[in-house]
N, C-alpha and C. Protein backbone atom coordinates (compact mmCIF):
# COMPACT_ATOMS: atom_id res chain seq x y z
N MET A 1 52.70 -6.17 82.36
CA MET A 1 52.35 -7.44 81.81
C MET A 1 50.88 -7.77 82.13
N ASP A 2 50.40 -7.38 83.30
CA ASP A 2 49.02 -7.66 83.68
C ASP A 2 48.11 -6.46 83.48
N ASN A 3 48.48 -5.57 82.60
CA ASN A 3 47.70 -4.36 82.37
C ASN A 3 46.54 -4.67 81.43
N TYR A 4 45.42 -5.15 82.00
CA TYR A 4 44.27 -5.55 81.19
C TYR A 4 43.46 -4.35 80.72
N SER A 5 43.44 -3.28 81.50
CA SER A 5 42.73 -2.08 81.09
C SER A 5 43.63 -0.87 81.33
N PRO A 6 44.28 -0.39 80.30
CA PRO A 6 45.19 0.74 80.46
C PRO A 6 44.43 2.01 80.88
N VAL A 7 45.13 2.90 81.56
CA VAL A 7 44.54 4.14 82.03
C VAL A 7 44.29 5.05 80.83
N PRO A 8 43.05 5.55 80.67
CA PRO A 8 42.76 6.42 79.54
C PRO A 8 43.50 7.76 79.65
N LEU A 9 43.68 8.41 78.54
CA LEU A 9 44.38 9.70 78.50
C LEU A 9 43.64 10.75 79.31
N PHE A 10 42.30 10.75 79.26
CA PHE A 10 41.54 11.72 80.03
C PHE A 10 41.78 11.53 81.52
N MET A 11 41.89 10.30 81.99
CA MET A 11 42.12 10.04 83.41
C MET A 11 43.50 10.53 83.83
N LYS A 12 44.49 10.37 82.99
CA LYS A 12 45.82 10.91 83.29
C LYS A 12 45.79 12.42 83.38
N PHE A 13 45.07 13.07 82.45
CA PHE A 13 44.94 14.52 82.45
C PHE A 13 44.22 15.00 83.71
N ALA A 14 43.13 14.34 84.07
CA ALA A 14 42.38 14.72 85.27
C ALA A 14 43.24 14.53 86.52
N ASN A 15 44.02 13.48 86.58
CA ASN A 15 44.90 13.24 87.72
C ASN A 15 45.94 14.35 87.84
N ASN A 16 46.52 14.78 86.73
CA ASN A 16 47.49 15.87 86.75
C ASN A 16 46.85 17.18 87.20
N CYS A 17 45.63 17.46 86.73
CA CYS A 17 44.93 18.69 87.14
C CYS A 17 44.62 18.66 88.63
N LEU A 18 44.20 17.52 89.14
CA LEU A 18 43.88 17.43 90.56
C LEU A 18 45.13 17.51 91.44
N SER A 19 46.25 17.03 90.96
CA SER A 19 47.48 17.15 91.75
C SER A 19 47.94 18.61 91.81
N ILE A 20 47.74 19.35 90.72
CA ILE A 20 48.05 20.79 90.75
C ILE A 20 47.11 21.50 91.72
N TYR A 21 45.83 21.15 91.68
CA TYR A 21 44.83 21.74 92.58
C TYR A 21 45.19 21.48 94.04
N GLU A 22 45.69 20.29 94.34
CA GLU A 22 46.03 19.96 95.73
C GLU A 22 47.31 20.62 96.19
N ASN A 23 48.25 20.87 95.31
CA ASN A 23 49.56 21.34 95.72
C ASN A 23 49.75 22.84 95.66
N TRP A 24 48.97 23.54 94.87
CA TRP A 24 49.15 24.99 94.77
C TRP A 24 48.39 25.68 95.89
N SER A 25 49.07 26.60 96.56
CA SER A 25 48.45 27.28 97.69
C SER A 25 47.42 28.32 97.28
N ILE A 26 47.38 28.68 96.02
CA ILE A 26 46.40 29.67 95.55
C ILE A 26 44.97 29.13 95.68
N PHE A 27 44.82 27.81 95.68
CA PHE A 27 43.50 27.19 95.78
C PHE A 27 43.08 26.91 97.22
N ASN A 28 43.88 27.28 98.22
CA ASN A 28 43.58 26.95 99.61
C ASN A 28 42.22 27.42 100.09
N PRO A 29 41.83 28.68 99.87
CA PRO A 29 40.51 29.10 100.39
C PRO A 29 39.36 28.29 99.80
N PHE A 30 39.39 28.07 98.51
CA PHE A 30 38.33 27.29 97.86
C PHE A 30 38.36 25.85 98.31
N ARG A 31 39.56 25.27 98.38
CA ARG A 31 39.71 23.87 98.78
C ARG A 31 39.21 23.66 100.21
N ASN A 32 39.55 24.59 101.11
CA ASN A 32 39.10 24.46 102.50
C ASN A 32 37.59 24.59 102.62
N ALA A 33 37.00 25.49 101.84
CA ALA A 33 35.54 25.66 101.88
C ALA A 33 34.83 24.41 101.36
N VAL A 34 35.35 23.83 100.29
CA VAL A 34 34.74 22.62 99.72
C VAL A 34 34.87 21.46 100.70
N ARG A 35 36.02 21.32 101.33
CA ARG A 35 36.22 20.24 102.30
C ARG A 35 35.31 20.40 103.52
N LYS A 36 35.18 21.64 104.00
CA LYS A 36 34.32 21.88 105.15
C LYS A 36 32.86 21.54 104.81
N ALA A 37 32.42 21.92 103.61
CA ALA A 37 31.05 21.59 103.19
C ALA A 37 30.87 20.08 103.04
N GLY A 38 31.88 19.40 102.52
CA GLY A 38 31.81 17.95 102.38
C GLY A 38 31.76 17.24 103.72
N LEU A 39 32.57 17.70 104.68
CA LEU A 39 32.54 17.09 106.01
C LEU A 39 31.21 17.34 106.71
N ARG A 40 30.65 18.53 106.52
CA ARG A 40 29.35 18.83 107.12
C ARG A 40 28.27 17.92 106.52
N PHE A 41 28.29 17.75 105.20
CA PHE A 41 27.32 16.88 104.54
C PHE A 41 27.45 15.44 105.05
N CYS A 42 28.68 14.95 105.16
CA CYS A 42 28.88 13.57 105.61
C CYS A 42 28.41 13.38 107.05
N SER A 43 28.70 14.35 107.91
CA SER A 43 28.27 14.19 109.30
C SER A 43 26.75 14.26 109.41
N GLU A 44 26.11 15.14 108.65
CA GLU A 44 24.64 15.19 108.65
C GLU A 44 24.05 13.89 108.10
N TYR A 45 24.69 13.33 107.10
CA TYR A 45 24.22 12.07 106.52
C TYR A 45 24.32 10.93 107.52
N MET A 46 25.43 10.87 108.25
CA MET A 46 25.59 9.81 109.25
C MET A 46 24.58 9.97 110.38
N ILE A 47 24.31 11.19 110.81
CA ILE A 47 23.32 11.42 111.85
C ILE A 47 21.93 10.99 111.37
N ALA A 48 21.60 11.36 110.13
CA ALA A 48 20.30 10.97 109.57
C ALA A 48 20.18 9.46 109.45
N GLU A 49 21.27 8.80 109.05
CA GLU A 49 21.24 7.34 108.94
C GLU A 49 21.04 6.69 110.30
N ASP A 50 21.71 7.22 111.32
CA ASP A 50 21.52 6.69 112.67
C ASP A 50 20.07 6.85 113.12
N LEU A 51 19.50 8.01 112.87
CA LEU A 51 18.12 8.25 113.29
C LEU A 51 17.13 7.36 112.54
N GLN A 52 17.35 7.17 111.25
CA GLN A 52 16.41 6.38 110.45
C GLN A 52 16.46 4.89 110.78
N THR A 53 17.63 4.40 111.19
CA THR A 53 17.77 2.97 111.48
C THR A 53 17.75 2.67 112.97
N ASN A 54 17.37 3.66 113.78
CA ASN A 54 17.31 3.51 115.23
C ASN A 54 18.68 3.09 115.79
N TYR A 55 19.73 3.70 115.26
CA TYR A 55 21.12 3.51 115.67
C TYR A 55 21.62 2.09 115.47
N ILE A 56 21.01 1.36 114.54
CA ILE A 56 21.48 0.01 114.21
C ILE A 56 22.32 0.03 112.94
N ASP A 57 21.98 0.88 111.99
CA ASP A 57 22.63 1.01 110.69
C ASP A 57 22.50 -0.27 109.88
N ILE A 58 23.17 -0.33 108.76
CA ILE A 58 23.03 -1.46 107.85
C ILE A 58 23.73 -2.70 108.41
N GLY A 59 24.87 -2.52 109.00
CA GLY A 59 25.61 -3.66 109.51
C GLY A 59 26.70 -3.22 110.45
N PRO A 60 27.46 -4.16 110.98
CA PRO A 60 28.48 -3.82 111.97
C PRO A 60 29.62 -2.99 111.40
N VAL A 61 29.97 -3.19 110.18
CA VAL A 61 31.08 -2.42 109.60
C VAL A 61 30.68 -0.96 109.44
N ASN A 62 29.47 -0.73 108.95
CA ASN A 62 28.99 0.62 108.74
C ASN A 62 28.91 1.37 110.07
N LYS A 63 28.40 0.74 111.09
CA LYS A 63 28.27 1.38 112.40
C LYS A 63 29.64 1.69 112.97
N ALA A 64 30.59 0.78 112.82
CA ALA A 64 31.94 1.02 113.34
C ALA A 64 32.59 2.20 112.64
N LEU A 65 32.43 2.28 111.34
CA LEU A 65 33.01 3.41 110.61
C LEU A 65 32.35 4.72 110.99
N ASN A 66 31.04 4.71 111.19
CA ASN A 66 30.34 5.92 111.63
C ASN A 66 30.82 6.36 113.01
N MET A 67 31.02 5.40 113.90
CA MET A 67 31.48 5.75 115.25
C MET A 67 32.89 6.32 115.22
N VAL A 68 33.78 5.74 114.43
CA VAL A 68 35.14 6.26 114.32
C VAL A 68 35.12 7.66 113.70
N SER A 69 34.30 7.85 112.69
CA SER A 69 34.21 9.16 112.05
C SER A 69 33.67 10.21 113.01
N ALA A 70 32.65 9.85 113.77
CA ALA A 70 32.06 10.79 114.73
C ALA A 70 33.07 11.11 115.84
N PHE A 71 33.79 10.11 116.32
CA PHE A 71 34.78 10.34 117.36
C PHE A 71 35.91 11.22 116.85
N HIS A 72 36.35 10.96 115.64
CA HIS A 72 37.42 11.76 115.04
C HIS A 72 36.94 13.20 114.82
N GLY A 73 35.71 13.36 114.41
CA GLY A 73 35.16 14.70 114.21
C GLY A 73 35.05 15.48 115.51
N MET A 74 34.71 14.79 116.60
CA MET A 74 34.60 15.47 117.89
C MET A 74 35.96 15.92 118.39
N LEU A 75 36.99 15.16 118.08
CA LEU A 75 38.31 15.51 118.57
C LEU A 75 38.93 16.69 117.81
N PHE A 76 38.66 16.79 116.53
CA PHE A 76 39.36 17.76 115.70
C PHE A 76 38.47 18.85 115.13
N VAL A 77 37.34 19.12 115.75
CA VAL A 77 36.47 20.19 115.26
C VAL A 77 36.92 21.51 115.81
């Protein structure tokens, strides 16, 4: 009843393709490599942001999320 913008057909197709990509084990090596590269990029980005802002960052929420991410990364690396 409140569906003001229905989901386009392309979005449904893309969602189905991504669910297959996530669930099939044949994609594991590629998926793990992409995730590792993404995590490395994010951690380098957070370090660069800390250095550029003298460890103040944009605001308290951003700094808190960076600290939680860094702590989580240290525990599970």
